[in-house]
Amino acid sequence: MNIAAVSPHLDDAALSASVALGVGGATVVTVFTALPAAGIPVSWWDRLTGATDSLDRQRERLAEDTVAMGLLSATGVHLDEPEALYRDDEPDLDGAVQRMTELLASADEVWLPSAIGGHRDHLLARQAGLRAAVAAGHSRVMLYADFPYVIAYGWPSWVAGRPGGSYLDAAFWLADQMASARLDPAALTPVITRLTAEQRAAKAEIIAAYRTQAPALRLGPADLAADPSKLDYELAWQMPLTPPGDPAAAVP
């Protein structure tokens, strides 16, 4: 199956949908990949990850993404829009939507971020991807649960198939996140993938490829060793689309 996935930033799609993308031959379209201007103050996230220069760090991240795409046997396409950390205003993504439409037209299946986690760029990428998917004639998309944000409180009991803790309801948190992301669970069909040992090893290798990001995402080797359940599942939802001109056609 020819899959096209939209990724807000370098790493989001690869970390969230490694099994689907790992089949090989996928196209990963990353929206916010532009190099920041030279000499700008280092962003808070880049500083958290130990960077002293945001331009140098973005160049490192682009190189990391090339390695990860090789591990997935996927083709990476960068749309070179500035991410939230490197811009002052809301982006005009009309050009990005047009390019995405061209890329999604030849795909059998489209994967988009669900925007779990409250990240503005993830919501913008999902909205742009939905516009492109409709324009490209797709009748449905897959929304991947943004990893690792989806497991901020662990896997929900309905994903893991076992009761959660007595004093922590991860399912409630995820439902609240979906509502905040303007998603209607009634219109979505969940797809749960339990990773095999081979798929877990492959995902760990992909995570390691994004070496500048993994520790801050709490996905470093020590984090995964302390909580192997982080690699137990990948979660997505199938969502039907309505064609342009349909009164019911609304981008959430």
C-alpha atoms as a PDB file:
ATOM      1  CA  MET A   1       0.000   0.000   0.000  1.00  0.00           C
ATOM      2  CA  ASN A   2       1.282   3.431  -0.957  1.00  0.00           C
ATOM      3  CA  ILE A   3       1.088   5.574   2.195  1.00  0.00           C
ATOM      4  CA  ALA A   4       1.553   9.324   2.443  1.00  0.00           C
ATOM      5  CA  ALA A   5       1.903  10.752   5.940  1.00  0.00           C
ATOM      6  CA  VAL A   6       1.860  14.385   6.986  1.00  0.00           C
ATOM      7  CA  SER A   7       4.211  15.243   9.843  1.00  0.00           C
ATOM      8  CA  PRO A   8       4.124  18.604  11.645  1.00  0.00           C
ATOM      9  CA  HIS A   9       7.798  18.508  12.617  1.00  0.00           C
ATOM     10  CA  LEU A  10      10.808  16.357  11.923  1.00  0.00           C
ATOM     11  CA  ASP A  11      10.084  13.096  13.845  1.00  0.00           C
ATOM     12  CA  ASP A  12       6.322  13.273  14.581  1.00  0.00           C
ATOM     13  CA  ALA A  13       5.029  10.859  11.927  1.00  0.00           C
ATOM     14  CA  ALA A  14       7.997   8.504  12.206  1.00  0.00           C
ATOM     15  CA  LEU A  15       7.590   8.187  15.976  1.00  0.00           C
ATOM     16  CA  SER A  16       3.792   7.914  15.895  1.00  0.00           C
ATOM     17  CA  ALA A  17       3.215   5.577  12.929  1.00  0.00           C
ATOM     18  CA  SER A  18       6.439   3.593  12.619  1.00  0.00           C
ATOM     19  CA  VAL A  19       4.668   0.308  11.873  1.00  0.00           C
ATOM     20  CA  ALA A  20       2.577   1.634   8.981  1.00  0.00           C
ATOM     21  CA  LEU A  21       5.453   3.657   7.553  1.00  0.00           C
ATOM     22  CA  GLY A  22       7.936   0.857   8.138  1.00  0.00           C
ATOM     23  CA  VAL A  23       6.364  -1.318   5.463  1.00  0.00           C
ATOM     24  CA  GLY A  24       8.446   0.706   3.024  1.00  0.00           C
ATOM     25  CA  GLY A  25       7.770   3.016   0.116  1.00  0.00           C
ATOM     26  CA  ALA A  26       5.906   5.628   2.152  1.00  0.00           C
ATOM     27  CA  THR A  27       6.152   9.374   1.585  1.00  0.00           C
ATOM     28  CA  VAL A  28       6.483  11.505   4.727  1.00  0.00           C
ATOM     29  CA  VAL A  29       5.584  15.150   4.128  1.00  0.00           C
ATOM     30  CA  THR A  30       6.924  17.319   6.946  1.00  0.00           C
ATOM     31  CA  VAL A  31       5.401  20.787   7.093  1.00  0.00           C
ATOM     32  CA  PHE A  32       7.485  22.875   9.493  1.00  0.00           C
ATOM     33  CA  THR A  33      11.098  22.358   8.466  1.00  0.00           C
ATOM     34  CA  ALA A  34      12.376  25.833   7.542  1.00  0.00           C
ATOM     35  CA  LEU A  35      15.774  26.893   8.840  1.00  0.00           C
ATOM     36  CA  PRO A  36      15.512  29.711  11.389  1.00  0.00           C
ATOM     37  CA  ALA A  37      17.285  32.959  10.636  1.00  0.00           C
ATOM     38  CA  ALA A  38      20.935  33.084  11.604  1.00  0.00           C
ATOM     39  CA  GLY A  39      21.578  34.820  14.899  1.00  0.00           C
ATOM     40  CA  ILE A  40      18.103  34.556  16.384  1.00  0.00           C
ATOM     41  CA  PRO A  41      17.960  33.809  20.121  1.00  0.00           C
ATOM     42  CA  VAL A  42      18.023  30.079  20.790  1.00  0.00           C
ATOM     43  CA  SER A  43      14.462  28.815  21.289  1.00  0.00           C
ATOM     44  CA  TRP A  44      13.359  27.414  24.619  1.00  0.00           C
ATOM     45  CA  TRP A  45      12.944  23.900  23.209  1.00  0.00           C
ATOM     46  CA  ASP A  46      16.326  23.952  21.515  1.00  0.00           C
ATOM     47  CA  ARG A  47      17.864  25.210  24.749  1.00  0.00           C
ATOM     48  CA  LEU A  48      16.158  22.385  26.642  1.00  0.00           C
ATOM     49  CA  THR A  49      17.757  19.881  24.272  1.00  0.00           C
ATOM     50  CA  GLY A  50      21.194  21.348  24.932  1.00  0.00           C
ATOM     51  CA  ALA A  51      21.524  23.477  21.798  1.00  0.00           C
ATOM     52  CA  THR A  52      23.350  26.806  21.787  1.00  0.00           C
ATOM     53  CA  ASP A  53      22.267  27.806  18.273  1.00  0.00           C
ATOM     54  CA  SER A  54      18.829  27.119  16.750  1.00  0.00           C
ATOM     55  CA  LEU A  55      20.092  27.238  13.170  1.00  0.00           C
ATOM     56  CA  ASP A  56      22.720  24.600  13.869  1.00  0.00           C
ATOM     57  CA  ARG A  57      20.168  22.473  15.719  1.00  0.00           C
ATOM     58  CA  GLN A  58      17.668  22.579  12.859  1.00  0.00           C
ATOM     59  CA  ARG A  59      20.396  21.472  10.473  1.00  0.00           C
ATOM     60  CA  GLU A  60      21.141  18.574  12.837  1.00  0.00           C
ATOM     61  CA  ARG A  61      17.457  17.663  12.894  1.00  0.00           C
ATOM     62  CA  LEU A  62      17.245  17.642   9.116  1.00  0.00           C
ATOM     63  CA  ALA A  63      20.207  15.245   9.022  1.00  0.00           C
ATOM     64  CA  GLU A  64      18.553  13.056  11.666  1.00  0.00           C
ATOM     65  CA  ASP A  65      15.384  12.904   9.610  1.00  0.00           C
ATOM     66  CA  THR A  66      17.329  11.687   6.595  1.00  0.00           C
ATOM     67  CA  VAL A  67      18.664   8.795   8.686  1.00  0.00           C
ATOM     68  CA  ALA A  68      15.182   7.970  10.025  1.00  0.00           C
ATOM     69  CA  MET A  69      13.650   7.999   6.545  1.00  0.00           C
ATOM     70  CA  GLY A  70      16.351   5.559   5.469  1.00  0.00           C
ATOM     71  CA  LEU A  71      15.452   3.233   8.342  1.00  0.00           C
ATOM     72  CA  LEU A  72      11.809   3.364   7.237  1.00  0.00           C
ATOM     73  CA  SER A  73      12.684   3.001   3.533  1.00  0.00           C
ATOM     74  CA  ALA A  74      10.531   6.111   3.117  1.00  0.00           C
ATOM     75  CA  THR A  75      10.876   9.291   1.088  1.00  0.00           C
ATOM     76  CA  GLY A  76      10.966  12.498   3.069  1.00  0.00           C
ATOM     77  CA  VAL A  77       9.544  15.714   1.616  1.00  0.00           C
ATOM     78  CA  HIS A  78      10.119  18.997   3.458  1.00  0.00           C
ATOM     79  CA  LEU A  79       7.715  21.892   2.867  1.00  0.00           C
ATOM     80  CA  ASP A  80       9.979  24.445   4.585  1.00  0.00           C
ATOM     81  CA  GLU A  81       7.371  26.327   6.593  1.00  0.00           C
ATOM     82  CA  PRO A  82       8.680  27.951   9.815  1.00  0.00           C
ATOM     83  CA  GLU A  83       7.604  26.223  12.997  1.00  0.00           C
ATOM     84  CA  ALA A  84       6.031  28.045  15.937  1.00  0.00           C
ATOM     85  CA  LEU A  85       9.335  28.416  17.770  1.00  0.00           C
ATOM     86  CA  TYR A  86      10.812  30.334  14.835  1.00  0.00           C
ATOM     87  CA  ARG A  87       7.919  32.579  13.750  1.00  0.00           C
ATOM     88  CA  ASP A  88       5.877  35.437  15.171  1.00  0.00           C
ATOM     89  CA  ASP A  89       2.584  35.067  13.274  1.00  0.00           C
ATOM     90  CA  GLU A  90       0.226  32.345  12.087  1.00  0.00           C
ATOM     91  CA  PRO A  91       1.548  30.784   8.891  1.00  0.00           C
ATOM     92  CA  ASP A  92      -0.145  30.978   5.505  1.00  0.00           C
ATOM     93  CA  LEU A  93      -0.280  27.304   4.511  1.00  0.00           C
ATOM     94  CA  ASP A  94      -2.127  27.657   1.197  1.00  0.00           C
ATOM     95  CA  GLY A  95       1.052  26.844  -0.743  1.00  0.00           C
ATOM     96  CA  ALA A  96       1.737  23.881   1.529  1.00  0.00           C
ATOM     97  CA  VAL A  97      -1.809  22.584   0.977  1.00  0.00           C
ATOM     98  CA  GLN A  98      -1.348  22.790  -2.777  1.00  0.00           C
ATOM     99  CA  ARG A  99       1.907  20.820  -2.606  1.00  0.00           C
ATOM    100  CA  MET A 100       0.352  18.283  -0.224  1.00  0.00           C
ATOM    101  CA  THR A 101      -2.600  17.822  -2.571  1.00  0.00           C
ATOM    102  CA  GLU A 102      -0.201  16.869  -5.358  1.00  0.00           C
ATOM    103  CA  LEU A 103       1.626  14.410  -3.117  1.00  0.00           C
ATOM    104  CA  LEU A 104      -1.496  12.855  -1.582  1.00  0.00           C
ATOM    105  CA  ALA A 105      -3.227  12.359  -4.940  1.00  0.00           C
ATOM    106  CA  SER A 106      -1.158   9.261  -5.724  1.00  0.00           C
ATOM    107  CA  ALA A 107      -1.406   7.728  -2.239  1.00  0.00           C
ATOM    108  CA  ASP A 108      -3.605   4.763  -1.372  1.00  0.00           C
ATOM    109  CA  GLU A 109      -3.814   5.855   2.255  1.00  0.00           C
ATOM    110  CA  VAL A 110      -3.233   9.184   4.001  1.00  0.00           C
ATOM    111  CA  TRP A 111      -1.995   9.514   7.590  1.00  0.00           C
ATOM    112  CA  LEU A 112      -2.323  12.801   9.489  1.00  0.00           C
ATOM    113  CA  PRO A 113      -1.592  13.905  13.065  1.00  0.00           C
ATOM    114  CA  SER A 114      -4.544  13.852  15.417  1.00  0.00           C
ATOM    115  CA  ALA A 115      -3.096  16.852  17.299  1.00  0.00           C
ATOM    116  CA  ILE A 116      -3.166  15.101  20.666  1.00  0.00           C
ATOM    117  CA  GLY A 117      -1.027  17.104  23.072  1.00  0.00           C
ATOM    118  CA  GLY A 118      -2.226  20.622  22.365  1.00  0.00           C
ATOM    119  CA  HIS A 119       0.576  21.623  19.984  1.00  0.00           C
ATOM    120  CA  ARG A 120      -0.532  24.414  17.626  1.00  0.00           C
ATOM    121  CA  ASP A 121       1.666  23.225  14.752  1.00  0.00           C
ATOM    122  CA  HIS A 122       0.127  19.749  14.981  1.00  0.00           C
ATOM    123  CA  LEU A 123      -3.372  21.186  14.670  1.00  0.00           C
ATOM    124  CA  LEU A 124      -2.312  23.381  11.740  1.00  0.00           C
ATOM    125  CA  ALA A 125      -0.693  20.405   9.998  1.00  0.00           C
ATOM    126  CA  ARG A 126      -3.827  18.299  10.507  1.00  0.00           C
ATOM    127  CA  GLN A 127      -6.090  21.020   9.133  1.00  0.00           C
ATOM    128  CA  ALA A 128      -3.844  21.520   6.114  1.00  0.00           C
ATOM    129  CA  GLY A 129      -3.632  17.766   5.567  1.00  0.00           C
ATOM    130  CA  LEU A 130      -7.400  17.368   5.702  1.00  0.00           C
ATOM    131  CA  ARG A 131      -7.860  20.135   3.136  1.00  0.00           C
ATOM    132  CA  ALA A 132      -5.325  18.462   0.877  1.00  0.00           C
ATOM    133  CA  ALA A 133      -6.800  14.987   1.350  1.00  0.00           C
ATOM    134  CA  VAL A 134     -10.275  16.207   0.395  1.00  0.00           C
ATOM    135  CA  ALA A 135      -8.891  18.106  -2.606  1.00  0.00           C
ATOM    136  CA  ALA A 136      -6.973  14.988  -3.673  1.00  0.00           C
ATOM    137  CA  GLY A 137     -10.185  12.959  -3.677  1.00  0.00           C
ATOM    138  CA  HIS A 138      -9.685  10.769  -0.618  1.00  0.00           C
ATOM    139  CA  SER A 139     -12.765   9.476   1.173  1.00  0.00           C
ATOM    140  CA  ARG A 140     -11.031   8.757   4.472  1.00  0.00           C
ATOM    141  CA  VAL A 141      -7.803   9.368   6.359  1.00  0.00           C
ATOM    142  CA  MET A 142      -5.962   7.806   9.279  1.00  0.00           C
ATOM    143  CA  LEU A 143      -5.248  10.081  12.234  1.00  0.00           C
ATOM    144  CA  TYR A 144      -2.224   8.897  14.184  1.00  0.00           C
ATOM    145  CA  ALA A 145      -2.064   9.477  17.928  1.00  0.00           C
ATOM    146  CA  ASP A 146       0.828  11.899  18.370  1.00  0.00           C
ATOM    147  CA  PHE A 147       3.614  10.034  20.173  1.00  0.00           C
ATOM    148  CA  PRO A 148       4.850  10.369  22.857  1.00  0.00           C
ATOM    149  CA  TYR A 149       2.219  12.935  23.893  1.00  0.00           C
ATOM    150  CA  VAL A 150      -0.511  10.288  23.751  1.00  0.00           C
ATOM    151  CA  ILE A 151       1.173   8.408  26.600  1.00  0.00           C
ATOM    152  CA  ALA A 152       1.677  11.375  28.911  1.00  0.00           C
ATOM    153  CA  TYR A 153      -0.203   9.301  31.524  1.00  0.00           C
ATOM    154  CA  GLY A 154       0.379   5.869  30.021  1.00  0.00           C
ATOM    155  CA  TRP A 155      -1.711   3.850  27.589  1.00  0.00           C
ATOM    156  CA  PRO A 156      -5.464   4.022  28.271  1.00  0.00           C
ATOM    157  CA  SER A 157      -7.014   0.818  29.568  1.00  0.00           C
ATOM    158  CA  TRP A 158      -9.015   0.351  26.352  1.00  0.00           C
ATOM    159  CA  VAL A 159      -5.765   0.328  24.380  1.00  0.00           C
ATOM    160  CA  ALA A 160      -3.772  -1.864  26.755  1.00  0.00           C
ATOM    161  CA  GLY A 161      -6.670  -4.241  27.399  1.00  0.00           C
ATOM    162  CA  ARG A 162      -6.211  -4.180  31.134  1.00  0.00           C
ATOM    163  CA  PRO A 163      -7.479  -1.990  33.989  1.00  0.00           C
ATOM    164  CA  GLY A 164      -5.572   1.200  34.737  1.00  0.00           C
ATOM    165  CA  GLY A 165      -4.333   2.302  38.120  1.00  0.00           C
ATOM    166  CA  SER A 166      -6.709   3.129  40.944  1.00  0.00           C
ATOM    167  CA  TYR A 167      -5.783   6.801  41.030  1.00  0.00           C
ATOM    168  CA  LEU A 168      -4.985   7.591  37.408  1.00  0.00           C
ATOM    169  CA  ASP A 169      -7.391   7.566  34.468  1.00  0.00           C
ATOM    170  CA  ALA A 170      -5.399   7.820  31.245  1.00  0.00           C
ATOM    171  CA  ALA A 171      -8.554   7.167  29.204  1.00  0.00           C
ATOM    172  CA  PHE A 172     -10.189  10.289  30.634  1.00  0.00           C
ATOM    173  CA  TRP A 173      -7.113  12.352  29.779  1.00  0.00           C
ATOM    174  CA  LEU A 174      -7.061  11.110  26.196  1.00  0.00           C
ATOM    175  CA  ALA A 175     -10.791  11.740  25.741  1.00  0.00           C
ATOM    176  CA  ASP A 176     -10.295  15.278  27.034  1.00  0.00           C
ATOM    177  CA  GLN A 177      -7.380  15.781  24.647  1.00  0.00           C
ATOM    178  CA  MET A 178      -9.490  14.609  21.721  1.00  0.00           C
ATOM    179  CA  ALA A 179     -12.205  17.087  22.650  1.00  0.00           C
ATOM    180  CA  SER A 180      -9.612  19.872  22.881  1.00  0.00           C
ATOM    181  CA  ALA A 181      -8.326  18.844  19.435  1.00  0.00           C
ATOM    182  CA  ARG A 182     -11.890  19.142  18.080  1.00  0.00           C
ATOM    183  CA  LEU A 183     -12.235  15.453  17.318  1.00  0.00           C
ATOM    184  CA  ASP A 184     -15.552  13.600  17.571  1.00  0.00           C
ATOM    185  CA  PRO A 185     -14.950  10.038  18.848  1.00  0.00           C
ATOM    186  CA  ALA A 186     -18.293   8.972  17.392  1.00  0.00           C
ATOM    187  CA  ALA A 187     -16.956   9.677  13.890  1.00  0.00           C
ATOM    188  CA  LEU A 188     -13.684   7.823  14.439  1.00  0.00           C
ATOM    189  CA  THR A 189     -12.803   4.132  14.354  1.00  0.00           C
ATOM    190  CA  PRO A 190      -9.796   3.325  16.562  1.00  0.00           C
ATOM    191  CA  VAL A 191      -7.035   1.119  15.179  1.00  0.00           C
ATOM    192  CA  ILE A 192      -4.714  -0.353  17.807  1.00  0.00           C
ATOM    193  CA  THR A 193      -1.438  -1.944  16.763  1.00  0.00           C
ATOM    194  CA  ARG A 194       0.456  -4.036  19.288  1.00  0.00           C
ATOM    195  CA  LEU A 195       4.100  -4.001  18.308  1.00  0.00           C
ATOM    196  CA  THR A 196       5.971  -7.255  17.819  1.00  0.00           C
ATOM    197  CA  ALA A 197       9.477  -7.678  19.174  1.00  0.00           C
ATOM    198  CA  GLU A 198      10.852  -6.876  15.723  1.00  0.00           C
ATOM    199  CA  GLN A 199       8.688  -3.762  15.394  1.00  0.00           C
ATOM    200  CA  ARG A 200       9.704  -2.586  18.870  1.00  0.00           C
ATOM    201  CA  ALA A 201      13.359  -2.926  17.966  1.00  0.00           C
ATOM    202  CA  ALA A 202      12.790  -1.032  14.727  1.00  0.00           C
ATOM    203  CA  LYS A 203      10.940   1.753  16.537  1.00  0.00           C
ATOM    204  CA  ALA A 204      13.695   2.028  19.134  1.00  0.00           C
ATOM    205  CA  GLU A 205      16.196   2.446  16.303  1.00  0.00           C
ATOM    206  CA  ILE A 206      14.082   5.186  14.724  1.00  0.00           C
ATOM    207  CA  ILE A 207      13.793   6.969  18.070  1.00  0.00           C
ATOM    208  CA  ALA A 208      17.572   6.763  18.466  1.00  0.00           C
ATOM    209  CA  ALA A 209      17.996   8.360  15.018  1.00  0.00           C
ATOM    210  CA  TYR A 210      16.352  11.496  16.394  1.00  0.00           C
ATOM    211  CA  ARG A 211      19.096  11.691  18.987  1.00  0.00           C
ATOM    212  CA  THR A 212      18.807  15.432  19.734  1.00  0.00           C
ATOM    213  CA  GLN A 213      15.110  15.081  20.590  1.00  0.00           C
ATOM    214  CA  ALA A 214      14.742  11.719  22.331  1.00  0.00           C
ATOM    215  CA  PRO A 215      15.934  12.681  25.849  1.00  0.00           C
ATOM    216  CA  ALA A 216      13.659  15.741  26.073  1.00  0.00           C
ATOM    217  CA  LEU A 217      10.765  13.593  24.866  1.00  0.00           C
ATOM    218  CA  ARG A 218      11.666  11.086  27.604  1.00  0.00           C
ATOM    219  CA  LEU A 219      12.444   8.483  24.981  1.00  0.00           C
ATOM    220  CA  GLY A 220      16.134   8.038  25.663  1.00  0.00           C
ATOM    221  CA  PRO A 221      17.554   4.530  26.235  1.00  0.00           C
ATOM    222  CA  ALA A 222      17.199   4.866  30.006  1.00  0.00           C
ATOM    223  CA  ASP A 223      13.578   6.023  29.657  1.00  0.00           C
ATOM    224  CA  LEU A 224      12.648   3.083  27.445  1.00  0.00           C
ATOM    225  CA  ALA A 225      14.447   0.649  29.734  1.00  0.00           C
ATOM    226  CA  ALA A 226      12.595   2.023  32.755  1.00  0.00           C
ATOM    227  CA  ASP A 227       9.208   1.854  31.015  1.00  0.00           C
ATOM    228  CA  PRO A 228       9.198  -0.638  28.113  1.00  0.00           C
ATOM    229  CA  SER A 229       5.413  -0.216  27.785  1.00  0.00           C
ATOM    230  CA  LYS A 230       6.039   3.011  25.857  1.00  0.00           C
ATOM    231  CA  LEU A 231       6.755   0.815  22.839  1.00  0.00           C
ATOM    232  CA  ASP A 232       3.840  -1.577  23.354  1.00  0.00           C
ATOM    233  CA  TYR A 233       1.347   0.045  20.988  1.00  0.00           C
ATOM    234  CA  GLU A 234       0.669   2.546  18.250  1.00  0.00           C
ATOM    235  CA  LEU A 235      -2.775   4.091  18.079  1.00  0.00           C
ATOM    236  CA  ALA A 236      -4.639   5.660  15.165  1.00  0.00           C
ATOM    237  CA  TRP A 237      -8.196   6.456  14.149  1.00  0.00           C
ATOM    238  CA  GLN A 238      -9.853   6.018  10.776  1.00  0.00           C
ATOM    239  CA  MET A 239     -11.892   9.095   9.860  1.00  0.00           C
ATOM    240  CA  PRO A 240     -14.272   9.418   6.897  1.00  0.00           C
ATOM    241  CA  LEU A 241     -14.143  12.563   4.778  1.00  0.00           C
ATOM    242  CA  THR A 242     -16.832  14.398   2.856  1.00  0.00           C
ATOM    243  CA  PRO A 243     -16.229  15.803  -0.634  1.00  0.00           C
ATOM    244  CA  PRO A 244     -15.823  19.511  -1.431  1.00  0.00           C
ATOM    245  CA  GLY A 245     -19.138  21.312  -1.777  1.00  0.00           C
ATOM    246  CA  ASP A 246     -20.941  18.929   0.575  1.00  0.00           C
ATOM    247  CA  PRO A 247     -22.717  20.993   3.281  1.00  0.00           C
ATOM    248  CA  ALA A 248     -21.402  18.492   5.832  1.00  0.00           C
ATOM    249  CA  ALA A 249     -17.793  19.005   4.723  1.00  0.00           C
ATOM    250  CA  ALA A 250     -16.098  20.628   7.688  1.00  0.00           C
ATOM    251  CA  VAL A 251     -12.446  20.439   8.647  1.00  0.00           C
ATOM    252  CA  PRO A 252     -12.262  19.843  12.400  1.00  0.00           C
END
